[in-house]
C-alpha atoms as a PDB file:
ATOM      1  CA  UNK A   1      -2.726  -4.623  -3.929  1.00  0.00           C
ATOM      2  CA  UNK A   2      -4.239  -7.080  -6.381  1.00  0.00           C
ATOM      3  CA  UNK A   3      -7.972  -6.406  -6.317  1.00  0.00           C
ATOM      4  CA  UNK A   4      -8.688  -9.514  -8.436  1.00  0.00           C
ATOM      5  CA  UNK A   5      -7.173 -11.816  -5.807  1.00  0.00           C
ATOM      6  CA  UNK A   6      -9.011  -9.999  -3.009  1.00  0.00           C
ATOM      7  CA  UNK A   7     -12.286 -10.289  -4.935  1.00  0.00           C
ATOM      8  CA  UNK A   8     -11.676 -14.015  -5.497  1.00  0.00           C
ATOM      9  CA  UNK A   9     -11.051 -14.637  -1.798  1.00  0.00           C
ATOM     10  CA  UNK A  10     -14.117 -12.592  -0.853  1.00  0.00           C
ATOM     11  CA  UNK A  11     -16.313 -14.566  -3.280  1.00  0.00           C
ATOM     12  CA  UNK A  12     -14.928 -17.976  -2.337  1.00  0.00           C
ATOM     13  CA  UNK A  13     -14.778 -17.779   1.441  1.00  0.00           C
ATOM     14  CA  UNK A  14     -14.219 -21.015   3.328  1.00  0.00           C
ATOM     15  CA  UNK A  15     -17.166 -22.707   4.972  1.00  0.00           C
ATOM     16  CA  UNK A  16     -16.036 -21.497   8.391  1.00  0.00           C
ATOM     17  CA  UNK A  17     -15.600 -17.889   7.262  1.00  0.00           C
ATOM     18  CA  UNK A  18     -19.064 -18.036   5.712  1.00  0.00           C
ATOM     19  CA  UNK A  19     -20.626 -19.595   8.820  1.00  0.00           C
ATOM     20  CA  UNK A  20     -19.094 -16.976  11.125  1.00  0.00           C
ATOM     21  CA  UNK A  21     -19.603 -14.099   8.620  1.00  0.00           C
ATOM     22  CA  UNK A  22     -15.919 -13.135   8.625  1.00  0.00           C
ATOM     23  CA  UNK A  23     -15.090 -10.831   5.739  1.00  0.00           C
ATOM     24  CA  UNK A  24     -11.665 -10.247   4.214  1.00  0.00           C
ATOM     25  CA  UNK A  25     -11.771  -6.492   3.634  1.00  0.00           C
ATOM     26  CA  UNK A  26      -8.150  -5.585   2.832  1.00  0.00           C
ATOM     27  CA  UNK A  27      -5.253  -7.689   1.568  1.00  0.00           C
ATOM     28  CA  UNK A  28      -1.779  -6.543   0.572  1.00  0.00           C
ATOM     29  CA  UNK A  29       1.800  -7.779   0.948  1.00  0.00           C
ATOM     30  CA  UNK A  30       2.420  -8.808   4.571  1.00  0.00           C
ATOM     31  CA  UNK A  31      -0.958  -7.454   5.757  1.00  0.00           C
ATOM     32  CA  UNK A  32      -4.579  -8.556   5.927  1.00  0.00           C
ATOM     33  CA  UNK A  33      -7.689  -7.104   7.502  1.00  0.00           C
ATOM     34  CA  UNK A  34     -10.724  -9.215   8.395  1.00  0.00           C
ATOM     35  CA  UNK A  35     -13.934  -7.915   9.930  1.00  0.00           C
ATOM     36  CA  UNK A  36     -16.976  -9.396  11.607  1.00  0.00           C
ATOM     37  CA  UNK A  37     -20.192  -8.108  13.129  1.00  0.00           C
ATOM     38  CA  UNK A  38     -20.898  -9.868  16.425  1.00  0.00           C
ATOM     39  CA  UNK A  39     -24.120 -11.892  16.278  1.00  0.00           C
ATOM     40  CA  UNK A  40     -25.961 -13.767  19.042  1.00  0.00           C
ATOM     41  CA  UNK A  41     -24.534 -17.126  17.902  1.00  0.00           C
ATOM     42  CA  UNK A  42     -20.983 -15.804  18.510  1.00  0.00           C
ATOM     43  CA  UNK A  43     -21.618 -15.372  22.255  1.00  0.00           C
ATOM     44  CA  UNK A  44     -20.783 -17.736  25.108  1.00  0.00           C
ATOM     45  CA  UNK A  45     -23.026 -18.653  28.049  1.00  0.00           C
ATOM     46  CA  UNK A  46     -22.115 -15.383  29.782  1.00  0.00           C
ATOM     47  CA  UNK A  47     -23.334 -13.314  26.843  1.00  0.00           C
ATOM     48  CA  UNK A  48     -19.795 -12.309  25.806  1.00  0.00           C
ATOM     49  CA  UNK A  49     -17.973 -13.023  22.568  1.00  0.00           C
ATOM     50  CA  UNK A  50     -16.579 -16.556  22.728  1.00  0.00           C
ATOM     51  CA  UNK A  51     -12.784 -16.663  22.923  1.00  0.00           C
ATOM     52  CA  UNK A  52     -12.696 -19.245  20.144  1.00  0.00           C
ATOM     53  CA  UNK A  53     -14.194 -16.673  17.777  1.00  0.00           C
ATOM     54  CA  UNK A  54     -11.409 -14.227  18.655  1.00  0.00           C
ATOM     55  CA  UNK A  55      -8.790 -16.924  18.067  1.00  0.00           C
ATOM     56  CA  UNK A  56     -10.401 -17.741  14.714  1.00  0.00           C
ATOM     57  CA  UNK A  57     -10.391 -14.079  13.662  1.00  0.00           C
ATOM     58  CA  UNK A  58      -6.714 -13.797  14.549  1.00  0.00           C
ATOM     59  CA  UNK A  59      -5.770 -17.093  12.895  1.00  0.00           C
ATOM     60  CA  UNK A  60      -7.559 -16.006   9.716  1.00  0.00           C
ATOM     61  CA  UNK A  61      -5.978 -12.537   9.550  1.00  0.00           C
ATOM     62  CA  UNK A  62      -2.465 -13.744  10.390  1.00  0.00           C
ATOM     63  CA  UNK A  63      -2.662 -16.543   7.837  1.00  0.00           C
ATOM     64  CA  UNK A  64      -3.861 -14.219   5.095  1.00  0.00           C
ATOM     65  CA  UNK A  65      -1.102 -11.722   5.952  1.00  0.00           C
ATOM     66  CA  UNK A  66       1.493 -14.274   4.915  1.00  0.00           C
ATOM     67  CA  UNK A  67      -0.122 -15.671   1.790  1.00  0.00           C
ATOM     68  CA  UNK A  68      -0.804 -12.592  -0.344  1.00  0.00           C
ATOM     69  CA  UNK A  69       0.251 -12.986  -3.975  1.00  0.00           C
ATOM     70  CA  UNK A  70       0.584 -10.011  -6.328  1.00  0.00           C
ATOM     71  CA  UNK A  71       0.235 -12.202  -9.419  1.00  0.00           C
ATOM     72  CA  UNK A  72      -3.381 -12.135 -10.691  1.00  0.00           C
ATOM     73  CA  UNK A  73      -4.911 -15.545 -10.043  1.00  0.00           C
ATOM     74  CA  UNK A  74      -2.036 -16.542  -7.777  1.00  0.00           C
ATOM     75  CA  UNK A  75      -3.011 -18.684  -4.803  1.00  0.00           C
ATOM     76  CA  UNK A  76      -0.960 -19.511  -1.742  1.00  0.00           C
ATOM     77  CA  UNK A  77      -2.240 -21.625   1.136  1.00  0.00           C
ATOM     78  CA  UNK A  78      -0.996 -21.894   4.715  1.00  0.00           C
ATOM     79  CA  UNK A  79      -1.262 -24.192   7.697  1.00  0.00           C
ATOM     80  CA  UNK A  80      -1.111 -22.882  11.267  1.00  0.00           C
ATOM     81  CA  UNK A  81       1.719 -24.459  13.262  1.00  0.00           C
ATOM     82  CA  UNK A  82       1.208 -22.422  16.431  1.00  0.00           C
ATOM     83  CA  UNK A  83      -0.996 -19.578  17.589  1.00  0.00           C
ATOM     84  CA  UNK A  84      -0.614 -17.791  20.912  1.00  0.00           C
ATOM     85  CA  UNK A  85      -3.636 -15.675  21.760  1.00  0.00           C
ATOM     86  CA  UNK A  86      -3.918 -13.047  24.500  1.00  0.00           C
ATOM     87  CA  UNK A  87      -7.411 -11.996  25.565  1.00  0.00           C
ATOM     88  CA  UNK A  88      -7.305  -8.359  26.711  1.00  0.00           C
ATOM     89  CA  UNK A  89     -10.932  -7.242  27.046  1.00  0.00           C
ATOM     90  CA  UNK A  90     -14.419  -8.677  26.652  1.00  0.00           C
ATOM     91  CA  UNK A  91     -17.001  -7.559  24.127  1.00  0.00           C
ATOM     92  CA  UNK A  92     -20.605  -8.529  23.471  1.00  0.00           C
ATOM     93  CA  UNK A  93     -21.778  -6.516  20.457  1.00  0.00           C
ATOM     94  CA  UNK A  94     -20.584  -4.461  17.509  1.00  0.00           C
ATOM     95  CA  UNK A  95     -18.112  -4.731  14.679  1.00  0.00           C
ATOM     96  CA  UNK A  96     -14.640  -6.186  15.134  1.00  0.00           C
ATOM     97  CA  UNK A  97     -11.630  -5.394  12.982  1.00  0.00           C
ATOM     98  CA  UNK A  98      -8.692  -7.807  12.989  1.00  0.00           C
ATOM     99  CA  UNK A  99      -5.366  -6.875  11.440  1.00  0.00           C
ATOM    100  CA  UNK A 100      -2.700  -9.475  10.675  1.00  0.00           C
ATOM    101  CA  UNK A 101       0.907  -8.568   9.857  1.00  0.00           C
ATOM    102  CA  UNK A 102       3.593 -10.918   8.517  1.00  0.00           C
ATOM    103  CA  UNK A 103       6.729 -10.240  10.568  1.00  0.00           C
ATOM    104  CA  UNK A 104       9.270 -12.564   8.990  1.00  0.00           C
ATOM    105  CA  UNK A 105      10.070 -16.011   7.755  1.00  0.00           C
ATOM    106  CA  UNK A 106      11.389 -17.784   4.710  1.00  0.00           C
ATOM    107  CA  UNK A 107      10.317 -20.073   1.867  1.00  0.00           C
ATOM    108  CA  UNK A 108       8.397 -22.611   3.951  1.00  0.00           C
ATOM    109  CA  UNK A 109       7.648 -20.985   7.327  1.00  0.00           C
ATOM    110  CA  UNK A 110       6.517 -17.475   8.235  1.00  0.00           C
ATOM    111  CA  UNK A 111       5.680 -15.562  11.402  1.00  0.00           C
ATOM    112  CA  UNK A 112       2.852 -13.117  11.969  1.00  0.00           C
ATOM    113  CA  UNK A 113       1.244 -10.992  14.654  1.00  0.00           C
ATOM    114  CA  UNK A 114      -2.046  -9.209  14.922  1.00  0.00           C
ATOM    115  CA  UNK A 115      -4.785  -7.680  17.010  1.00  0.00           C
ATOM    116  CA  UNK A 116      -8.554  -7.453  17.267  1.00  0.00           C
ATOM    117  CA  UNK A 117     -10.162  -4.082  17.979  1.00  0.00           C
ATOM    118  CA  UNK A 118     -13.750  -3.005  18.421  1.00  0.00           C
ATOM    119  CA  UNK A 119     -15.392  -0.165  16.457  1.00  0.00           C
ATOM    120  CA  UNK A 120     -13.988   2.380  18.939  1.00  0.00           C
ATOM    121  CA  UNK A 121     -10.439   1.087  18.477  1.00  0.00           C
ATOM    122  CA  UNK A 122     -10.356  -0.619  21.880  1.00  0.00           C
ATOM    123  CA  UNK A 123      -7.912  -3.545  21.962  1.00  0.00           C
ATOM    124  CA  UNK A 124      -9.754  -6.850  22.530  1.00  0.00           C
ATOM    125  CA  UNK A 125      -7.117  -9.510  21.782  1.00  0.00           C
ATOM    126  CA  UNK A 126      -3.659 -10.044  20.295  1.00  0.00           C
ATOM    127  CA  UNK A 127      -1.850 -13.030  18.821  1.00  0.00           C
ATOM    128  CA  UNK A 128       1.415 -14.246  17.385  1.00  0.00           C
ATOM    129  CA  UNK A 129       1.645 -17.244  15.113  1.00  0.00           C
ATOM    130  CA  UNK A 130       3.867 -19.525  13.101  1.00  0.00           C
ATOM    131  CA  UNK A 131       2.578 -20.759   9.740  1.00  0.00           C
ATOM    132  CA  UNK A 132       3.742 -23.188   7.062  1.00  0.00           C
ATOM    133  CA  UNK A 133       3.220 -22.649   3.366  1.00  0.00           C
ATOM    134  CA  UNK A 134       1.522 -25.613   1.705  1.00  0.00           C
ATOM    135  CA  UNK A 135       2.831 -26.798  -1.640  1.00  0.00           C
ATOM    136  CA  UNK A 136       0.806 -28.028  -4.562  1.00  0.00           C
ATOM    137  CA  UNK A 137      -2.336 -26.727  -6.256  1.00  0.00           C
ATOM    138  CA  UNK A 138      -5.329 -25.525  -4.240  1.00  0.00           C
ATOM    139  CA  UNK A 139      -8.125 -28.046  -3.675  1.00  0.00           C
END
């Protein structure tokens, strides 16, 4: 794992990751782990975690799983082409851990899968996705 690249991504989180308090906690080839503590503003009208937050956690983890670079300072960006999310259980409080795993692909497209679990390891949601690598320098 390249700790310098992980530290860079942690320090320069996107506006959405910052707003939702999603932290990238582990990052290695073909794998990423993001975590989030559920806050009141993450809940829907029923007092449960909004499904869009779960989809965002999964999209973030799966995307990071495919764009790890071992080269210090290396940056790779992705664009989500499709994301299929399965909601398994509801949750209203606590810490969530989302693991993304790159499962295949080539030079321009990759595939990933992942899951969201609560602090007790209970499965909350799963997803599969297709992502495209973006060319050119980061903006």
